[in-house]
PDB file of N, CA and C in Angstrom:
ATOM      1  N   UNK A   1     -22.083  -6.069   7.798  1.00  0.00           N
ATOM      2  CA  UNK A   1     -20.638  -5.993   7.736  1.00  0.00           C
ATOM      3  C   UNK A   1     -20.056  -7.345   8.144  1.00  0.00           C
ATOM      4  N   UNK A   2     -18.936  -7.649   7.530  1.00  0.00           N
ATOM      5  CA  UNK A   2     -18.231  -8.885   7.842  1.00  0.00           C
ATOM      6  C   UNK A   2     -16.871  -8.526   8.455  1.00  0.00           C
ATOM      7  N   UNK A   3     -16.650  -8.872   9.733  1.00  0.00           N
ATOM      8  CA  UNK A   3     -15.336  -8.633  10.325  1.00  0.00           C
ATOM      9  C   UNK A   3     -14.333  -9.622   9.748  1.00  0.00           C
ATOM     10  N   UNK A   4     -13.118  -9.131   9.451  1.00  0.00           N
ATOM     11  CA  UNK A   4     -12.114 -10.037   8.896  1.00  0.00           C
ATOM     12  C   UNK A   4     -10.744  -9.898   9.553  1.00  0.00           C
ATOM     13  N   UNK A   5     -10.531  -8.876  10.354  1.00  0.00           N
ATOM     14  CA  UNK A   5      -9.297  -8.739  11.126  1.00  0.00           C
ATOM     15  C   UNK A   5      -9.652  -8.216  12.505  1.00  0.00           C
ATOM     16  N   UNK A   6      -8.980  -8.746  13.516  1.00  0.00           N
ATOM     17  CA  UNK A   6      -9.207  -8.292  14.888  1.00  0.00           C
ATOM     18  C   UNK A   6      -7.909  -7.728  15.437  1.00  0.00           C
ATOM     19  N   UNK A   7      -8.011  -6.565  16.068  1.00  0.00           N
ATOM     20  CA  UNK A   7      -6.857  -5.964  16.719  1.00  0.00           C
ATOM     21  C   UNK A   7      -6.730  -6.441  18.149  1.00  0.00           C
ATOM     22  N   UNK A   8      -5.627  -6.115  18.785  1.00  0.00           N
ATOM     23  CA  UNK A   8      -5.369  -6.573  20.157  1.00  0.00           C
ATOM     24  C   UNK A   8      -6.280  -5.904  21.183  1.00  0.00           C
ATOM     25  N   UNK A   9      -6.865  -4.769  20.820  1.00  0.00           N
ATOM     26  CA  UNK A   9      -7.737  -4.059  21.744  1.00  0.00           C
ATOM     27  C   UNK A   9      -9.207  -4.399  21.584  1.00  0.00           C
ATOM     28  N   UNK A  10      -9.516  -5.438  20.839  1.00  0.00           N
ATOM     29  CA  UNK A  10     -10.903  -5.820  20.630  1.00  0.00           C
ATOM     30  C   UNK A  10     -11.578  -5.054  19.508  1.00  0.00           C
ATOM     31  N   UNK A  11     -10.792  -4.349  18.706  1.00  0.00           N
ATOM     32  CA  UNK A  11     -11.334  -3.624  17.564  1.00  0.00           C
ATOM     33  C   UNK A  11     -11.290  -4.533  16.337  1.00  0.00           C
ATOM     34  N   UNK A  12     -12.073  -4.175  15.330  1.00  0.00           N
ATOM     35  CA  UNK A  12     -12.171  -4.994  14.123  1.00  0.00           C
ATOM     36  C   UNK A  12     -12.061  -4.154  12.861  1.00  0.00           C
ATOM     37  N   UNK A  13     -11.558  -4.778  11.820  1.00  0.00           N
ATOM     38  CA  UNK A  13     -11.687  -4.263  10.470  1.00  0.00           C
ATOM     39  C   UNK A  13     -12.788  -5.087   9.823  1.00  0.00           C
ATOM     40  N   UNK A  14     -13.709  -4.407   9.187  1.00  0.00           N
ATOM     41  CA  UNK A  14     -14.847  -5.066   8.558  1.00  0.00           C
ATOM     42  C   UNK A  14     -14.997  -4.575   7.128  1.00  0.00           C
ATOM     43  N   UNK A  15     -15.580  -5.402   6.301  1.00  0.00           N
ATOM     44  CA  UNK A  15     -15.947  -4.975   4.957  1.00  0.00           C
ATOM     45  C   UNK A  15     -17.475  -4.872   4.935  1.00  0.00           C
ATOM     46  N   UNK A  16     -17.943  -3.768   4.418  1.00  0.00           N
ATOM     47  CA  UNK A  16     -19.387  -3.574   4.295  1.00  0.00           C
ATOM     48  C   UNK A  16     -19.919  -4.436   3.163  1.00  0.00           C
ATOM     49  N   UNK A  17     -21.143  -4.867   3.298  1.00  0.00           N
ATOM     50  CA  UNK A  17     -21.723  -5.774   2.316  1.00  0.00           C
ATOM     51  C   UNK A  17     -22.968  -5.207   1.646  1.00  0.00           C
ATOM     52  N   UNK A  18     -23.127  -3.899   1.679  1.00  0.00           N
ATOM     53  CA  UNK A  18     -24.258  -3.279   0.999  1.00  0.00           C
ATOM     54  C   UNK A  18     -24.033  -3.322  -0.506  1.00  0.00           C
ATOM     55  N   UNK A  19     -25.087  -3.342  -1.264  1.00  0.00           N
ATOM     56  CA  UNK A  19     -24.933  -3.426  -2.721  1.00  0.00           C
ATOM     57  C   UNK A  19     -24.174  -2.229  -3.292  1.00  0.00           C
ATOM     58  N   UNK A  20     -24.289  -1.080  -2.656  1.00  0.00           N
ATOM     59  CA  UNK A  20     -23.610   0.122  -3.151  1.00  0.00           C
ATOM     60  C   UNK A  20     -22.451   0.571  -2.267  1.00  0.00           C
ATOM     61  N   UNK A  21     -22.062  -0.259  -1.300  1.00  0.00           N
ATOM     62  CA  UNK A  21     -20.982   0.124  -0.390  1.00  0.00           C
ATOM     63  C   UNK A  21     -20.199  -1.116   0.033  1.00  0.00           C
ATOM     64  N   UNK A  22     -18.998  -1.247  -0.486  1.00  0.00           N
ATOM     65  CA  UNK A  22     -18.097  -2.357  -0.146  1.00  0.00           C
ATOM     66  C   UNK A  22     -16.848  -1.826   0.550  1.00  0.00           C
ATOM     67  N   UNK A  23     -17.005  -0.714   1.258  1.00  0.00           N
ATOM     68  CA  UNK A  23     -15.861  -0.084   1.906  1.00  0.00           C
ATOM     69  C   UNK A  23     -15.340  -0.929   3.066  1.00  0.00           C
ATOM     70  N   UNK A  24     -14.096  -0.666   3.428  1.00  0.00           N
ATOM     71  CA  UNK A  24     -13.482  -1.294   4.594  1.00  0.00           C
ATOM     72  C   UNK A  24     -13.494  -0.269   5.709  1.00  0.00           C
ATOM     73  N   UNK A  25     -13.995  -0.686   6.865  1.00  0.00           N
ATOM     74  CA  UNK A  25     -14.099   0.208   8.018  1.00  0.00           C
ATOM     75  C   UNK A  25     -13.371  -0.399   9.205  1.00  0.00           C
ATOM     76  N   UNK A  26     -12.908   0.480  10.071  1.00  0.00           N
ATOM     77  CA  UNK A  26     -12.308   0.077  11.333  1.00  0.00           C
ATOM     78  C   UNK A  26     -13.312   0.397  12.420  1.00  0.00           C
ATOM     79  N   UNK A  27     -13.571  -0.554  13.305  1.00  0.00           N
ATOM     80  CA  UNK A  27     -14.569  -0.379  14.351  1.00  0.00           C
ATOM     81  C   UNK A  27     -13.936  -0.548  15.730  1.00  0.00           C
ATOM     82  N   UNK A  28     -13.415   0.543  16.291  1.00  0.00           N
ATOM     83  CA  UNK A  28     -12.892   0.435  17.657  1.00  0.00           C
ATOM     84  C   UNK A  28     -14.039   0.228  18.642  1.00  0.00           C
ATOM     85  N   UNK A  29     -13.707  -0.039  19.874  1.00  0.00           N
ATOM     86  CA  UNK A  29     -14.725  -0.357  20.886  1.00  0.00           C
ATOM     87  C   UNK A  29     -15.671   0.795  21.212  1.00  0.00           C
ATOM     88  N   UNK A  30     -15.357   2.020  20.806  1.00  0.00           N
ATOM     89  CA  UNK A  30     -16.200   3.159  21.173  1.00  0.00           C
ATOM     90  C   UNK A  30     -17.379   3.367  20.224  1.00  0.00           C
ATOM     91  N   UNK A  31     -17.734   2.350  19.438  1.00  0.00           N
ATOM     92  CA  UNK A  31     -18.901   2.356  18.550  1.00  0.00           C
ATOM     93  C   UNK A  31     -18.849   3.412  17.452  1.00  0.00           C
ATOM     94  N   UNK A  32     -17.670   3.793  17.063  1.00  0.00           N
ATOM     95  CA  UNK A  32     -17.479   4.710  15.946  1.00  0.00           C
ATOM     96  C   UNK A  32     -16.944   3.900  14.778  1.00  0.00           C
ATOM     97  N   UNK A  33     -17.380   4.221  13.571  1.00  0.00           N
ATOM     98  CA  UNK A  33     -16.842   3.577  12.378  1.00  0.00           C
ATOM     99  C   UNK A  33     -15.927   4.551  11.665  1.00  0.00           C
ATOM    100  N   UNK A  34     -14.767   4.090  11.280  1.00  0.00           N
ATOM    101  CA  UNK A  34     -13.844   4.888  10.485  1.00  0.00           C
ATOM    102  C   UNK A  34     -13.702   4.226   9.127  1.00  0.00           C
ATOM    103  N   UNK A  35     -14.056   4.944   8.083  1.00  0.00           N
ATOM    104  CA  UNK A  35     -13.907   4.423   6.732  1.00  0.00           C
ATOM    105  C   UNK A  35     -12.434   4.502   6.370  1.00  0.00           C
ATOM    106  N   UNK A  36     -11.834   3.350   6.103  1.00  0.00           N
ATOM    107  CA  UNK A  36     -10.426   3.308   5.738  1.00  0.00           C
ATOM    108  C   UNK A  36     -10.277   3.505   4.230  1.00  0.00           C
ATOM    109  N   UNK A  37     -11.062   2.776   3.462  1.00  0.00           N
ATOM    110  CA  UNK A  37     -10.974   2.871   2.003  1.00  0.00           C
ATOM    111  C   UNK A  37     -12.257   2.314   1.390  1.00  0.00           C
ATOM    112  N   UNK A  38     -12.372   2.432   0.092  1.00  0.00           N
ATOM    113  CA  UNK A  38     -13.613   2.086  -0.595  1.00  0.00           C
ATOM    114  C   UNK A  38     -13.738   0.630  -1.005  1.00  0.00           C
ATOM    115  N   UNK A  39     -12.650  -0.141  -0.908  1.00  0.00           N
ATOM    116  CA  UNK A  39     -12.730  -1.542  -1.352  1.00  0.00           C
ATOM    117  C   UNK A  39     -11.680  -2.387  -0.654  1.00  0.00           C
ATOM    118  N   UNK A  40     -11.912  -3.671  -0.642  1.00  0.00           N
ATOM    119  CA  UNK A  40     -10.941  -4.596  -0.064  1.00  0.00           C
ATOM    120  C   UNK A  40      -9.643  -4.577  -0.870  1.00  0.00           C
ATOM    121  N   UNK A  41      -9.754  -4.352  -2.167  1.00  0.00           N
ATOM    122  CA  UNK A  41      -8.557  -4.256  -3.009  1.00  0.00           C
ATOM    123  C   UNK A  41      -7.680  -3.095  -2.543  1.00  0.00           C
ATOM    124  N   UNK A  42      -8.277  -1.919  -2.317  1.00  0.00           N
ATOM    125  CA  UNK A  42      -7.510  -0.776  -1.813  1.00  0.00           C
ATOM    126  C   UNK A  42      -6.930  -1.063  -0.429  1.00  0.00           C
ATOM    127  N   UNK A  43      -7.662  -1.790   0.383  1.00  0.00           N
ATOM    128  CA  UNK A  43      -7.168  -2.126   1.714  1.00  0.00           C
ATOM    129  C   UNK A  43      -5.894  -2.966   1.613  1.00  0.00           C
ATOM    130  N   UNK A  44      -5.890  -3.943   0.733  1.00  0.00           N
ATOM    131  CA  UNK A  44      -4.696  -4.782   0.536  1.00  0.00           C
ATOM    132  C   UNK A  44      -3.536  -3.924   0.033  1.00  0.00           C
ATOM    133  N   UNK A  45      -3.814  -2.987  -0.859  1.00  0.00           N
ATOM    134  CA  UNK A  45      -2.766  -2.091  -1.352  1.00  0.00           C
ATOM    135  C   UNK A  45      -2.211  -1.213  -0.223  1.00  0.00           C
ATOM    136  N   UNK A  46      -3.075  -0.743   0.658  1.00  0.00           N
ATOM    137  CA  UNK A  46      -2.642   0.069   1.802  1.00  0.00           C
ATOM    138  C   UNK A  46      -1.746  -0.756   2.726  1.00  0.00           C
ATOM    139  N   UNK A  47      -2.171  -1.964   3.050  1.00  0.00           N
ATOM    140  CA  UNK A  47      -1.384  -2.829   3.926  1.00  0.00           C
ATOM    141  C   UNK A  47      -0.014  -3.111   3.308  1.00  0.00           C
ATOM    142  N   UNK A  48      -0.013  -3.416   2.020  1.00  0.00           N
ATOM    143  CA  UNK A  48       1.246  -3.688   1.318  1.00  0.00           C
ATOM    144  C   UNK A  48       2.171  -2.483   1.381  1.00  0.00           C
ATOM    145  N   UNK A  49       1.623  -1.298   1.134  1.00  0.00           N
ATOM    146  CA  UNK A  49       2.438  -0.075   1.168  1.00  0.00           C
ATOM    147  C   UNK A  49       2.942   0.216   2.580  1.00  0.00           C
ATOM    148  N   UNK A  50       2.131  -0.072   3.593  1.00  0.00           N
ATOM    149  CA  UNK A  50       2.578   0.123   4.977  1.00  0.00           C
ATOM    150  C   UNK A  50       3.787  -0.747   5.296  1.00  0.00           C
ATOM    151  N   UNK A  51       3.804  -1.967   4.790  1.00  0.00           N
ATOM    152  CA  UNK A  51       4.980  -2.822   5.001  1.00  0.00           C
ATOM    153  C   UNK A  51       6.160  -2.332   4.176  1.00  0.00           C
ATOM    154  N   UNK A  52       5.926  -1.900   2.958  1.00  0.00           N
ATOM    155  CA  UNK A  52       7.019  -1.408   2.113  1.00  0.00           C
ATOM    156  C   UNK A  52       7.698  -0.193   2.729  1.00  0.00           C
ATOM    157  N   UNK A  53       6.906   0.708   3.336  1.00  0.00           N
ATOM    158  CA  UNK A  53       7.461   1.937   3.906  1.00  0.00           C
ATOM    159  C   UNK A  53       7.798   1.805   5.396  1.00  0.00           C
ATOM    160  N   UNK A  54       7.708   0.608   5.915  1.00  0.00           N
ATOM    161  CA  UNK A  54       8.017   0.317   7.322  1.00  0.00           C
ATOM    162  C   UNK A  54       7.109   1.028   8.317  1.00  0.00           C
ATOM    163  N   UNK A  55       5.864   1.266   7.937  1.00  0.00           N
ATOM    164  CA  UNK A  55       4.883   1.739   8.907  1.00  0.00           C
ATOM    165  C   UNK A  55       4.551   0.597   9.865  1.00  0.00           C
ATOM    166  N   UNK A  56       4.623  -0.633   9.369  1.00  0.00           N
ATOM    167  CA  UNK A  56       4.474  -1.834  10.183  1.00  0.00           C
ATOM    168  C   UNK A  56       5.838  -2.500  10.243  1.00  0.00           C
ATOM    169  N   UNK A  57       6.271  -2.829  11.454  1.00  0.00           N
ATOM    170  CA  UNK A  57       7.604  -3.392  11.615  1.00  0.00           C
ATOM    171  C   UNK A  57       7.661  -4.218  12.898  1.00  0.00           C
ATOM    172  N   UNK A  58       8.659  -5.065  13.005  1.00  0.00           N
ATOM    173  CA  UNK A  58       8.873  -5.853  14.211  1.00  0.00           C
ATOM    174  C   UNK A  58       9.841  -5.118  15.127  1.00  0.00           C
ATOM    175  N   UNK A  59       9.477  -5.020  16.400  1.00  0.00           N
ATOM    176  CA  UNK A  59      10.381  -4.389  17.363  1.00  0.00           C
ATOM    177  C   UNK A  59      11.474  -5.380  17.777  1.00  0.00           C
ATOM    178  N   UNK A  60      12.320  -4.961  18.711  1.00  0.00           N
ATOM    179  CA  UNK A  60      13.456  -5.806  19.109  1.00  0.00           C
ATOM    180  C   UNK A  60      13.018  -7.120  19.754  1.00  0.00           C
ATOM    181  N   UNK A  61      11.797  -7.173  20.280  1.00  0.00           N
ATOM    182  CA  UNK A  61      11.257  -8.407  20.858  1.00  0.00           C
ATOM    183  C   UNK A  61      10.411  -9.204  19.865  1.00  0.00           C
ATOM    184  N   UNK A  62      10.429  -8.765  18.610  1.00  0.00           N
ATOM    185  CA  UNK A  62       9.718  -9.413  17.505  1.00  0.00           C
ATOM    186  C   UNK A  62       8.198  -9.261  17.588  1.00  0.00           C
ATOM    187  N   UNK A  63       7.738  -8.177  18.229  1.00  0.00           N
ATOM    188  CA  UNK A  63       6.317  -7.856  18.250  1.00  0.00           C
ATOM    189  C   UNK A  63       6.023  -6.882  17.120  1.00  0.00           C
ATOM    190  N   UNK A  64       4.882  -7.046  16.489  1.00  0.00           N
ATOM    191  CA  UNK A  64       4.499  -6.157  15.401  1.00  0.00           C
ATOM    192  C   UNK A  64       4.135  -4.787  15.971  1.00  0.00           C
ATOM    193  N   UNK A  65       4.757  -3.751  15.456  1.00  0.00           N
ATOM    194  CA  UNK A  65       4.527  -2.374  15.877  1.00  0.00           C
ATOM    195  C   UNK A  65       4.044  -1.556  14.688  1.00  0.00           C
ATOM    196  N   UNK A  66       3.575  -0.356  14.974  1.00  0.00           N
ATOM    197  CA  UNK A  66       3.046   0.512  13.925  1.00  0.00           C
ATOM    198  C   UNK A  66       3.495   1.947  14.152  1.00  0.00           C
ATOM    199  N   UNK A  67       3.920   2.588  13.079  1.00  0.00           N
ATOM    200  CA  UNK A  67       4.143   4.023  13.066  1.00  0.00           C
ATOM    201  C   UNK A  67       2.816   4.621  12.592  1.00  0.00           C
ATOM    202  N   UNK A  68       1.981   5.044  13.529  1.00  0.00           N
ATOM    203  CA  UNK A  68       0.613   5.460  13.210  1.00  0.00           C
ATOM    204  C   UNK A  68       0.555   6.691  12.312  1.00  0.00           C
ATOM    205  N   UNK A  69       1.491   7.607  12.487  1.00  0.00           N
ATOM    206  CA  UNK A  69       1.508   8.798  11.626  1.00  0.00           C
ATOM    207  C   UNK A  69       1.775   8.418  10.174  1.00  0.00           C
ATOM    208  N   UNK A  70       2.740   7.543   9.961  1.00  0.00           N
ATOM    209  CA  UNK A  70       3.047   7.094   8.602  1.00  0.00           C
ATOM    210  C   UNK A  70       1.899   6.270   8.040  1.00  0.00           C
ATOM    211  N   UNK A  71       1.310   5.425   8.863  1.00  0.00           N
ATOM    212  CA  UNK A  71       0.161   4.631   8.423  1.00  0.00           C
ATOM    213  C   UNK A  71      -0.965   5.550   7.931  1.00  0.00           C
ATOM    214  N   UNK A  72      -1.241   6.592   8.695  1.00  0.00           N
ATOM    215  CA  UNK A  72      -2.305   7.526   8.321  1.00  0.00           C
ATOM    216  C   UNK A  72      -1.991   8.229   7.007  1.00  0.00           C
ATOM    217  N   UNK A  73      -0.741   8.629   6.800  1.00  0.00           N
ATOM    218  CA  UNK A  73      -0.355   9.262   5.534  1.00  0.00           C
ATOM    219  C   UNK A  73      -0.577   8.319   4.358  1.00  0.00           C
ATOM    220  N   UNK A  74      -0.257   7.061   4.555  1.00  0.00           N
ATOM    221  CA  UNK A  74      -0.460   6.074   3.492  1.00  0.00           C
ATOM    222  C   UNK A  74      -1.948   5.885   3.218  1.00  0.00           C
ATOM    223  N   UNK A  75      -2.748   5.800   4.258  1.00  0.00           N
ATOM    224  CA  UNK A  75      -4.205   5.670   4.079  1.00  0.00           C
ATOM    225  C   UNK A  75      -4.741   6.859   3.293  1.00  0.00           C
ATOM    226  N   UNK A  76      -4.331   8.061   3.663  1.00  0.00           N
ATOM    227  CA  UNK A  76      -4.808   9.276   2.986  1.00  0.00           C
ATOM    228  C   UNK A  76      -4.374   9.298   1.521  1.00  0.00           C
ATOM    229  N   UNK A  77      -3.212   8.741   1.235  1.00  0.00           N
ATOM    230  CA  UNK A  77      -2.748   8.662  -0.147  1.00  0.00           C
ATOM    231  C   UNK A  77      -3.709   7.821  -0.998  1.00  0.00           C
ATOM    232  N   UNK A  78      -4.222   6.740  -0.429  1.00  0.00           N
ATOM    233  CA  UNK A  78      -5.162   5.882  -1.147  1.00  0.00           C
ATOM    234  C   UNK A  78      -6.599   6.374  -1.034  1.00  0.00           C
ATOM    235  N   UNK A  79      -6.917   7.087   0.032  1.00  0.00           N
ATOM    236  CA  UNK A  79      -8.272   7.581   0.260  1.00  0.00           C
ATOM    237  C   UNK A  79      -8.200   9.059   0.654  1.00  0.00           C
ATOM    238  N   UNK A  80      -8.114   9.957  -0.342  1.00  0.00           N
ATOM    239  CA  UNK A  80      -7.996  11.389  -0.052  1.00  0.00           C
ATOM    240  C   UNK A  80      -9.163  11.956   0.759  1.00  0.00           C
ATOM    241  N   UNK A  81     -10.291  11.263   0.794  1.00  0.00           N
ATOM    242  CA  UNK A  81     -11.455  11.724   1.553  1.00  0.00           C
ATOM    243  C   UNK A  81     -11.482  11.195   2.981  1.00  0.00           C
ATOM    244  N   UNK A  82     -10.410  10.581   3.433  1.00  0.00           N
ATOM    245  CA  UNK A  82     -10.365   9.934   4.749  1.00  0.00           C
ATOM    246  C   UNK A  82     -10.807  10.868   5.878  1.00  0.00           C
ATOM    247  N   UNK A  83     -10.238  12.061   5.935  1.00  0.00           N
ATOM    248  CA  UNK A  83     -10.576  12.986   7.032  1.00  0.00           C
ATOM    249  C   UNK A  83     -12.040  13.420   6.945  1.00  0.00           C
ATOM    250  N   UNK A  84     -12.483  13.777   5.753  1.00  0.00           N
ATOM    251  CA  UNK A  84     -13.864  14.219   5.563  1.00  0.00           C
ATOM    252  C   UNK A  84     -14.853  13.111   5.910  1.00  0.00           C
ATOM    253  N   UNK A  85     -14.620  11.898   5.401  1.00  0.00           N
ATOM    254  CA  UNK A  85     -15.533  10.779   5.633  1.00  0.00           C
ATOM    255  C   UNK A  85     -15.688  10.442   7.111  1.00  0.00           C
ATOM    256  N   UNK A  86     -14.659  10.720   7.892  1.00  0.00           N
ATOM    257  CA  UNK A  86     -14.660  10.317   9.287  1.00  0.00           C
ATOM    258  C   UNK A  86     -14.833  11.480  10.250  1.00  0.00           C
ATOM    259  N   UNK A  87     -15.123  12.662   9.724  1.00  0.00           N
ATOM    260  CA  UNK A  87     -15.330  13.822  10.579  1.00  0.00           C
ATOM    261  C   UNK A  87     -14.082  14.225  11.345  1.00  0.00           C
ATOM    262  N   UNK A  88     -12.914  14.008  10.744  1.00  0.00           N
ATOM    263  CA  UNK A  88     -11.645  14.340  11.390  1.00  0.00           C
ATOM    264  C   UNK A  88     -11.033  15.575  10.752  1.00  0.00           C
ATOM    265  N   UNK A  89     -10.207  16.250  11.505  1.00  0.00           N
ATOM    266  CA  UNK A  89      -9.468  17.385  10.965  1.00  0.00           C
ATOM    267  C   UNK A  89      -8.160  16.888  10.354  1.00  0.00           C
ATOM    268  N   UNK A  90      -7.819  17.448   9.225  1.00  0.00           N
ATOM    269  CA  UNK A  90      -6.566  17.083   8.574  1.00  0.00           C
ATOM    270  C   UNK A  90      -5.403  17.511   9.446  1.00  0.00           C
ATOM    271  N   UNK A  91      -4.349  16.709   9.448  1.00  0.00           N
ATOM    272  CA  UNK A  91      -3.154  17.031  10.238  1.00  0.00           C
ATOM    273  C   UNK A  91      -2.206  17.940   9.485  1.00  0.00           C
ATOM    274  N   UNK A  92      -2.573  18.336   8.316  1.00  0.00           N
ATOM    275  CA  UNK A  92      -1.696  19.207   7.502  1.00  0.00           C
ATOM    276  C   UNK A  92      -2.016  20.656   7.742  1.00  0.00           C
TER     277      UNK A  92
END
């Protein structure tokens, strides 16, 4: 895996480099991998949509903030298998 984004908590977004798996995963410090989407292209589309829908925004002090519920809905829109792939229960 190749890390390409680092979060403030020491977590990373990585792209897998297997011949049959180019998915983007989030790796928080607890050694769990969360599959975000199947390709870097989809990841860019998710990020773009998060900005369009204001899931990512600047607070009054100009710090980047996130509406995590909206972010998750956008991820699920691009990756309907998100909950299943990550062993999570759907919030619906």
